[in-house]
């Protein structure tokens, strides 16, 4: 496969470059923003972190770059902030993943994860994370309760009721296939809606930190999700 070097995402993170570099190299810190918690026969989040960021990464500390599978991460020092640029590049040799087939999904994953990192650094750095992941819906459209919110500009306030819960906060980010909302009442927490580029599936990720987790919330949102896309 030829080199592609297509831009994927650029994110400005609210922390100096030394801090951000550590968030990409320390497994305990990576799991506070990357992906979501799961425990299946195929493995766990810790297994995925090790596979991607240890086995599947070539890092240059001098250049502050990481070659992660088929993507190149470049960190730029911006004083109290750090700019992270992600581009497609030639995948690392070895492995069974067909990068041509999976590029779009992986691109969207990095958009999600870097926004989760930006949120963690801005609001909850140093705290452990809890996630709720709802996926597999046969639609690229957000649920009706969220549909009017996806057009909001970042930073704009919103208030709505979803899954029987009144929530409010601000638009965290928006892109072609996903958007994120902060939720004040969750500490704050982050509610992320993402649709696959092909428009065949949708997913919601709920992220909270510290004592913001709520077992009843997971059951309530799972019931609502099944009804919304049943």
C-alpha atoms as a PDB file:
ATOM      1  CA  UNK A   1       0.000   0.000   0.000  1.00  0.00           C
ATOM      2  CA  UNK A   2       1.328   3.455  -0.858  1.00  0.00           C
ATOM      3  CA  UNK A   3       1.905   6.285   1.597  1.00  0.00           C
ATOM      4  CA  UNK A   4      -1.230   8.428   1.995  1.00  0.00           C
ATOM      5  CA  UNK A   5      -0.430  11.242   4.450  1.00  0.00           C
ATOM      6  CA  UNK A   6      -4.041  12.398   4.576  1.00  0.00           C
ATOM      7  CA  UNK A   7      -4.977  14.700   7.473  1.00  0.00           C
ATOM      8  CA  UNK A   8      -7.268  13.143  10.037  1.00  0.00           C
ATOM      9  CA  UNK A   9      -7.529  15.535  12.977  1.00  0.00           C
ATOM     10  CA  UNK A  10      -5.735  18.396  14.705  1.00  0.00           C
ATOM     11  CA  UNK A  11      -6.495  19.040  18.364  1.00  0.00           C
ATOM     12  CA  UNK A  12      -5.100  21.633  20.769  1.00  0.00           C
ATOM     13  CA  UNK A  13      -4.778  20.096  24.220  1.00  0.00           C
ATOM     14  CA  UNK A  14      -4.800  22.215  27.412  1.00  0.00           C
ATOM     15  CA  UNK A  15      -1.499  20.939  28.834  1.00  0.00           C
ATOM     16  CA  UNK A  16       2.241  21.383  28.127  1.00  0.00           C
ATOM     17  CA  UNK A  17       3.957  18.965  25.786  1.00  0.00           C
ATOM     18  CA  UNK A  18       5.736  16.991  28.531  1.00  0.00           C
ATOM     19  CA  UNK A  19       2.396  16.191  30.154  1.00  0.00           C
ATOM     20  CA  UNK A  20       0.760  15.270  26.855  1.00  0.00           C
ATOM     21  CA  UNK A  21       3.679  13.064  25.814  1.00  0.00           C
ATOM     22  CA  UNK A  22       3.310  11.129  29.057  1.00  0.00           C
ATOM     23  CA  UNK A  23      -0.399  10.589  28.381  1.00  0.00           C
ATOM     24  CA  UNK A  24       0.589   8.694  25.221  1.00  0.00           C
ATOM     25  CA  UNK A  25       3.320   6.613  26.866  1.00  0.00           C
ATOM     26  CA  UNK A  26       2.060   5.623  30.341  1.00  0.00           C
ATOM     27  CA  UNK A  27      -0.537   2.797  30.124  1.00  0.00           C
ATOM     28  CA  UNK A  28      -2.206   3.890  33.375  1.00  0.00           C
ATOM     29  CA  UNK A  29      -2.761   7.360  31.900  1.00  0.00           C
ATOM     30  CA  UNK A  30      -3.762   6.120  28.442  1.00  0.00           C
ATOM     31  CA  UNK A  31      -6.683   4.135  29.850  1.00  0.00           C
ATOM     32  CA  UNK A  32      -8.097   7.369  31.349  1.00  0.00           C
ATOM     33  CA  UNK A  33      -8.932   8.672  27.869  1.00  0.00           C
ATOM     34  CA  UNK A  34      -8.431   6.010  25.208  1.00  0.00           C
ATOM     35  CA  UNK A  35     -11.327   3.771  24.159  1.00  0.00           C
ATOM     36  CA  UNK A  36     -13.765   2.545  26.785  1.00  0.00           C
ATOM     37  CA  UNK A  37     -13.860  -0.159  29.426  1.00  0.00           C
ATOM     38  CA  UNK A  38     -14.792  -3.698  28.421  1.00  0.00           C
ATOM     39  CA  UNK A  39     -14.033  -7.263  29.454  1.00  0.00           C
ATOM     40  CA  UNK A  40     -14.776  -9.939  26.854  1.00  0.00           C
ATOM     41  CA  UNK A  41     -13.365 -13.231  25.660  1.00  0.00           C
ATOM     42  CA  UNK A  42     -11.383 -11.216  23.103  1.00  0.00           C
ATOM     43  CA  UNK A  43      -9.646  -9.207  25.816  1.00  0.00           C
ATOM     44  CA  UNK A  44      -9.857  -6.038  27.910  1.00  0.00           C
ATOM     45  CA  UNK A  45      -9.091  -2.353  27.544  1.00  0.00           C
ATOM     46  CA  UNK A  46      -5.690  -2.971  29.141  1.00  0.00           C
ATOM     47  CA  UNK A  47      -4.951  -5.582  26.460  1.00  0.00           C
ATOM     48  CA  UNK A  48      -5.910  -3.092  23.743  1.00  0.00           C
ATOM     49  CA  UNK A  49      -3.755  -0.341  25.246  1.00  0.00           C
ATOM     50  CA  UNK A  50      -0.768  -2.699  25.317  1.00  0.00           C
ATOM     51  CA  UNK A  51      -1.382  -3.898  21.744  1.00  0.00           C
ATOM     52  CA  UNK A  52      -1.733  -0.396  20.276  1.00  0.00           C
ATOM     53  CA  UNK A  53       0.570   1.797  22.336  1.00  0.00           C
ATOM     54  CA  UNK A  54       3.318  -0.701  23.132  1.00  0.00           C
ATOM     55  CA  UNK A  55       3.354  -3.502  20.567  1.00  0.00           C
ATOM     56  CA  UNK A  56       1.882  -1.333  17.787  1.00  0.00           C
ATOM     57  CA  UNK A  57       3.723   1.971  18.255  1.00  0.00           C
ATOM     58  CA  UNK A  58       7.130   3.353  17.315  1.00  0.00           C
ATOM     59  CA  UNK A  59       7.843   6.459  19.400  1.00  0.00           C
ATOM     60  CA  UNK A  60      10.492   9.143  18.941  1.00  0.00           C
ATOM     61  CA  UNK A  61      10.917  11.046  22.188  1.00  0.00           C
ATOM     62  CA  UNK A  62      13.348  13.468  20.549  1.00  0.00           C
ATOM     63  CA  UNK A  63      10.873  14.391  17.791  1.00  0.00           C
ATOM     64  CA  UNK A  64       7.764  13.927  19.930  1.00  0.00           C
ATOM     65  CA  UNK A  65       6.168  11.697  17.298  1.00  0.00           C
ATOM     66  CA  UNK A  66       4.384   8.366  17.460  1.00  0.00           C
ATOM     67  CA  UNK A  67       3.758   6.008  14.574  1.00  0.00           C
ATOM     68  CA  UNK A  68       0.647   4.147  15.725  1.00  0.00           C
ATOM     69  CA  UNK A  69      -0.373   1.478  13.220  1.00  0.00           C
ATOM     70  CA  UNK A  70      -1.360   3.438  10.130  1.00  0.00           C
ATOM     71  CA  UNK A  71      -1.279   6.897  11.712  1.00  0.00           C
ATOM     72  CA  UNK A  72       1.442   9.381  12.570  1.00  0.00           C
ATOM     73  CA  UNK A  73       0.999  11.569  15.662  1.00  0.00           C
ATOM     74  CA  UNK A  74       3.037  14.772  15.829  1.00  0.00           C
ATOM     75  CA  UNK A  75       3.126  16.834  19.040  1.00  0.00           C
ATOM     76  CA  UNK A  76       3.918  20.551  18.806  1.00  0.00           C
ATOM     77  CA  UNK A  77       4.921  22.623  21.827  1.00  0.00           C
ATOM     78  CA  UNK A  78       2.593  25.617  22.234  1.00  0.00           C
ATOM     79  CA  UNK A  79       3.616  26.734  25.707  1.00  0.00           C
ATOM     80  CA  UNK A  80       0.841  25.903  28.148  1.00  0.00           C
ATOM     81  CA  UNK A  81      -0.866  23.934  25.359  1.00  0.00           C
ATOM     82  CA  UNK A  82       0.098  21.193  22.924  1.00  0.00           C
ATOM     83  CA  UNK A  83      -1.039  20.802  19.323  1.00  0.00           C
ATOM     84  CA  UNK A  84      -1.503  17.180  18.236  1.00  0.00           C
ATOM     85  CA  UNK A  85      -1.707  16.484  14.497  1.00  0.00           C
ATOM     86  CA  UNK A  86      -2.681  13.071  13.186  1.00  0.00           C
ATOM     87  CA  UNK A  87      -2.128  11.993   9.585  1.00  0.00           C
ATOM     88  CA  UNK A  88      -2.532   8.720   7.742  1.00  0.00           C
ATOM     89  CA  UNK A  89       0.737   7.072   6.858  1.00  0.00           C
ATOM     90  CA  UNK A  90       2.161   3.725   5.839  1.00  0.00           C
ATOM     91  CA  UNK A  91       1.171   1.132   8.462  1.00  0.00           C
ATOM     92  CA  UNK A  92       3.821  -0.504  10.577  1.00  0.00           C
ATOM     93  CA  UNK A  93       4.952  -3.852   9.134  1.00  0.00           C
ATOM     94  CA  UNK A  94       3.378  -7.038  10.414  1.00  0.00           C
ATOM     95  CA  UNK A  95      -0.032  -7.696  11.913  1.00  0.00           C
ATOM     96  CA  UNK A  96      -3.248  -8.889  10.328  1.00  0.00           C
ATOM     97  CA  UNK A  97      -5.220  -5.646  10.084  1.00  0.00           C
ATOM     98  CA  UNK A  98      -6.273  -4.545   6.585  1.00  0.00           C
ATOM     99  CA  UNK A  99      -5.611  -0.812   6.920  1.00  0.00           C
ATOM    100  CA  UNK A 100      -7.187   0.009   3.556  1.00  0.00           C
ATOM    101  CA  UNK A 101     -10.470  -1.448   4.787  1.00  0.00           C
ATOM    102  CA  UNK A 102     -10.283  -0.016   8.293  1.00  0.00           C
ATOM    103  CA  UNK A 103      -8.816   3.468   7.766  1.00  0.00           C
ATOM    104  CA  UNK A 104     -12.126   5.372   7.973  1.00  0.00           C
ATOM    105  CA  UNK A 105     -13.251   3.674  11.181  1.00  0.00           C
ATOM    106  CA  UNK A 106      -9.824   4.119  12.751  1.00  0.00           C
ATOM    107  CA  UNK A 107      -9.779   7.794  11.728  1.00  0.00           C
ATOM    108  CA  UNK A 108     -13.091   8.335  13.506  1.00  0.00           C
ATOM    109  CA  UNK A 109     -11.809   6.498  16.552  1.00  0.00           C
ATOM    110  CA  UNK A 110      -8.866   8.883  16.883  1.00  0.00           C
ATOM    111  CA  UNK A 111     -11.204  11.882  16.593  1.00  0.00           C
ATOM    112  CA  UNK A 112     -13.212  10.468  19.508  1.00  0.00           C
ATOM    113  CA  UNK A 113     -10.240   9.523  21.638  1.00  0.00           C
ATOM    114  CA  UNK A 114      -8.378  12.811  21.247  1.00  0.00           C
ATOM    115  CA  UNK A 115     -11.515  14.700  22.244  1.00  0.00           C
ATOM    116  CA  UNK A 116     -11.805  12.399  25.258  1.00  0.00           C
ATOM    117  CA  UNK A 117      -8.193  13.250  26.093  1.00  0.00           C
ATOM    118  CA  UNK A 118      -8.871  16.986  25.718  1.00  0.00           C
ATOM    119  CA  UNK A 119     -11.837  16.643  28.073  1.00  0.00           C
ATOM    120  CA  UNK A 120      -9.830  14.649  30.633  1.00  0.00           C
ATOM    121  CA  UNK A 121      -6.993  17.175  30.647  1.00  0.00           C
ATOM    122  CA  UNK A 122      -9.396  20.114  30.926  1.00  0.00           C
ATOM    123  CA  UNK A 123     -11.603  18.753  33.701  1.00  0.00           C
ATOM    124  CA  UNK A 124     -10.411  15.590  35.432  1.00  0.00           C
ATOM    125  CA  UNK A 125      -6.703  14.925  35.034  1.00  0.00           C
ATOM    126  CA  UNK A 126      -5.451  12.629  37.779  1.00  0.00           C
ATOM    127  CA  UNK A 127      -8.829  10.926  38.249  1.00  0.00           C
ATOM    128  CA  UNK A 128      -9.878   7.433  37.235  1.00  0.00           C
ATOM    129  CA  UNK A 129     -12.502   7.037  34.530  1.00  0.00           C
ATOM    130  CA  UNK A 130     -15.755   5.103  34.134  1.00  0.00           C
ATOM    131  CA  UNK A 131     -17.378   4.591  30.725  1.00  0.00           C
ATOM    132  CA  UNK A 132     -20.706   3.382  29.370  1.00  0.00           C
ATOM    133  CA  UNK A 133     -20.652   2.278  25.715  1.00  0.00           C
ATOM    134  CA  UNK A 134     -23.857   1.794  23.699  1.00  0.00           C
ATOM    135  CA  UNK A 135     -23.481   0.707  20.080  1.00  0.00           C
ATOM    136  CA  UNK A 136     -24.839  -1.277  17.182  1.00  0.00           C
ATOM    137  CA  UNK A 137     -27.784   0.920  16.197  1.00  0.00           C
ATOM    138  CA  UNK A 138     -28.919   0.615  12.561  1.00  0.00           C
ATOM    139  CA  UNK A 139     -28.786   4.345  11.870  1.00  0.00           C
ATOM    140  CA  UNK A 140     -26.299   7.181  11.430  1.00  0.00           C
ATOM    141  CA  UNK A 141     -28.788   9.694  12.836  1.00  0.00           C
ATOM    142  CA  UNK A 142     -28.512  10.812  16.455  1.00  0.00           C
ATOM    143  CA  UNK A 143     -31.435   9.905  18.711  1.00  0.00           C
ATOM    144  CA  UNK A 144     -34.340  12.335  18.389  1.00  0.00           C
ATOM    145  CA  UNK A 145     -33.561  13.904  21.772  1.00  0.00           C
ATOM    146  CA  UNK A 146     -30.071  14.898  20.569  1.00  0.00           C
ATOM    147  CA  UNK A 147     -30.747  15.621  16.902  1.00  0.00           C
ATOM    148  CA  UNK A 148     -31.288  19.359  17.301  1.00  0.00           C
ATOM    149  CA  UNK A 149     -28.043  19.726  19.255  1.00  0.00           C
ATOM    150  CA  UNK A 150     -25.519  18.463  16.698  1.00  0.00           C
ATOM    151  CA  UNK A 151     -25.581  21.789  14.808  1.00  0.00           C
ATOM    152  CA  UNK A 152     -24.540  23.827  17.866  1.00  0.00           C
ATOM    153  CA  UNK A 153     -21.234  25.675  17.758  1.00  0.00           C
ATOM    154  CA  UNK A 154     -18.581  24.480  20.241  1.00  0.00           C
ATOM    155  CA  UNK A 155     -18.994  26.275  23.546  1.00  0.00           C
ATOM    156  CA  UNK A 156     -22.732  26.892  23.133  1.00  0.00           C
ATOM    157  CA  UNK A 157     -24.977  25.891  26.021  1.00  0.00           C
ATOM    158  CA  UNK A 158     -27.783  23.336  25.709  1.00  0.00           C
ATOM    159  CA  UNK A 159     -30.423  21.677  27.884  1.00  0.00           C
ATOM    160  CA  UNK A 160     -32.481  18.602  27.034  1.00  0.00           C
ATOM    161  CA  UNK A 161     -33.916  15.403  28.475  1.00  0.00           C
ATOM    162  CA  UNK A 162     -32.478  12.050  27.383  1.00  0.00           C
ATOM    163  CA  UNK A 163     -33.141   8.585  28.808  1.00  0.00           C
ATOM    164  CA  UNK A 164     -35.471  10.153  31.351  1.00  0.00           C
ATOM    165  CA  UNK A 165     -32.667  12.367  32.653  1.00  0.00           C
ATOM    166  CA  UNK A 166     -32.520  16.159  32.366  1.00  0.00           C
ATOM    167  CA  UNK A 167     -29.019  17.108  31.238  1.00  0.00           C
ATOM    168  CA  UNK A 168     -27.327  20.395  30.396  1.00  0.00           C
ATOM    169  CA  UNK A 169     -23.871  21.624  29.532  1.00  0.00           C
ATOM    170  CA  UNK A 170     -22.070  22.814  26.411  1.00  0.00           C
ATOM    171  CA  UNK A 171     -21.191  21.551  22.973  1.00  0.00           C
ATOM    172  CA  UNK A 172     -17.664  20.174  23.367  1.00  0.00           C
ATOM    173  CA  UNK A 173     -16.881  19.534  19.691  1.00  0.00           C
ATOM    174  CA  UNK A 174     -18.482  18.637  16.389  1.00  0.00           C
ATOM    175  CA  UNK A 175     -17.155  16.899  13.271  1.00  0.00           C
ATOM    176  CA  UNK A 176     -18.557  15.307  10.129  1.00  0.00           C
ATOM    177  CA  UNK A 177     -19.586  12.070  11.834  1.00  0.00           C
ATOM    178  CA  UNK A 178     -19.733  12.788  15.570  1.00  0.00           C
ATOM    179  CA  UNK A 179     -20.185  15.351  18.307  1.00  0.00           C
ATOM    180  CA  UNK A 180     -19.627  15.617  22.044  1.00  0.00           C
ATOM    181  CA  UNK A 181     -21.574  17.297  24.840  1.00  0.00           C
ATOM    182  CA  UNK A 182     -20.384  18.072  28.341  1.00  0.00           C
ATOM    183  CA  UNK A 183     -22.908  17.188  31.055  1.00  0.00           C
ATOM    184  CA  UNK A 184     -22.703  19.418  34.121  1.00  0.00           C
ATOM    185  CA  UNK A 185     -24.504  17.012  36.443  1.00  0.00           C
ATOM    186  CA  UNK A 186     -22.004  14.233  35.802  1.00  0.00           C
ATOM    187  CA  UNK A 187     -19.112  16.083  37.387  1.00  0.00           C
ATOM    188  CA  UNK A 188     -18.943  17.252  34.461  1.00  0.00           C
ATOM    189  CA  UNK A 189     -19.030  14.236  32.203  1.00  0.00           C
ATOM    190  CA  UNK A 190     -18.809  13.774  28.454  1.00  0.00           C
ATOM    191  CA  UNK A 191     -21.541  12.373  26.190  1.00  0.00           C
ATOM    192  CA  UNK A 192     -20.211  11.450  22.740  1.00  0.00           C
ATOM    193  CA  UNK A 193     -22.347  10.393  19.767  1.00  0.00           C
ATOM    194  CA  UNK A 194     -20.570   8.833  16.778  1.00  0.00           C
ATOM    195  CA  UNK A 195     -21.813   7.374  13.500  1.00  0.00           C
ATOM    196  CA  UNK A 196     -19.742   5.273  11.132  1.00  0.00           C
ATOM    197  CA  UNK A 197     -18.743   7.050   7.896  1.00  0.00           C
ATOM    198  CA  UNK A 198     -20.793   4.541   5.892  1.00  0.00           C
ATOM    199  CA  UNK A 199     -23.850   5.410   7.971  1.00  0.00           C
ATOM    200  CA  UNK A 200     -24.566   1.858   9.098  1.00  0.00           C
ATOM    201  CA  UNK A 201     -23.995   2.021  12.846  1.00  0.00           C
ATOM    202  CA  UNK A 202     -24.112   4.526  15.672  1.00  0.00           C
ATOM    203  CA  UNK A 203     -22.728   4.610  19.198  1.00  0.00           C
ATOM    204  CA  UNK A 204     -22.814   6.658  22.374  1.00  0.00           C
ATOM    205  CA  UNK A 205     -19.983   6.803  24.899  1.00  0.00           C
ATOM    206  CA  UNK A 206     -20.640   8.240  28.362  1.00  0.00           C
ATOM    207  CA  UNK A 207     -17.515   9.225  30.289  1.00  0.00           C
ATOM    208  CA  UNK A 208     -17.405  10.173  33.973  1.00  0.00           C
ATOM    209  CA  UNK A 209     -14.559  10.515  36.457  1.00  0.00           C
ATOM    210  CA  UNK A 210     -13.987  10.084  40.166  1.00  0.00           C
ATOM    211  CA  UNK A 211     -17.269   9.383  41.961  1.00  0.00           C
ATOM    212  CA  UNK A 212     -19.321  10.385  38.917  1.00  0.00           C
ATOM    213  CA  UNK A 213     -20.216   6.786  38.011  1.00  0.00           C
ATOM    214  CA  UNK A 214     -23.797   5.619  38.593  1.00  0.00           C
ATOM    215  CA  UNK A 215     -24.812   1.946  38.093  1.00  0.00           C
ATOM    216  CA  UNK A 216     -28.462   2.942  37.684  1.00  0.00           C
ATOM    217  CA  UNK A 217     -27.514   5.335  34.874  1.00  0.00           C
ATOM    218  CA  UNK A 218     -26.056   2.491  32.814  1.00  0.00           C
ATOM    219  CA  UNK A 219     -29.257   0.441  33.054  1.00  0.00           C
ATOM    220  CA  UNK A 220     -31.463   3.457  32.305  1.00  0.00           C
ATOM    221  CA  UNK A 221     -29.457   4.509  29.238  1.00  0.00           C
ATOM    222  CA  UNK A 222     -29.236   0.942  27.925  1.00  0.00           C
ATOM    223  CA  UNK A 223     -33.029   0.635  28.128  1.00  0.00           C
ATOM    224  CA  UNK A 224     -33.506   3.980  26.374  1.00  0.00           C
ATOM    225  CA  UNK A 225     -30.968   3.115  23.655  1.00  0.00           C
ATOM    226  CA  UNK A 226     -32.692  -0.179  22.878  1.00  0.00           C
ATOM    227  CA  UNK A 227     -36.037   1.623  22.603  1.00  0.00           C
ATOM    228  CA  UNK A 228     -34.629   4.448  20.462  1.00  0.00           C
ATOM    229  CA  UNK A 229     -33.065   2.072  17.953  1.00  0.00           C
ATOM    230  CA  UNK A 230     -35.071  -1.108  18.535  1.00  0.00           C
END
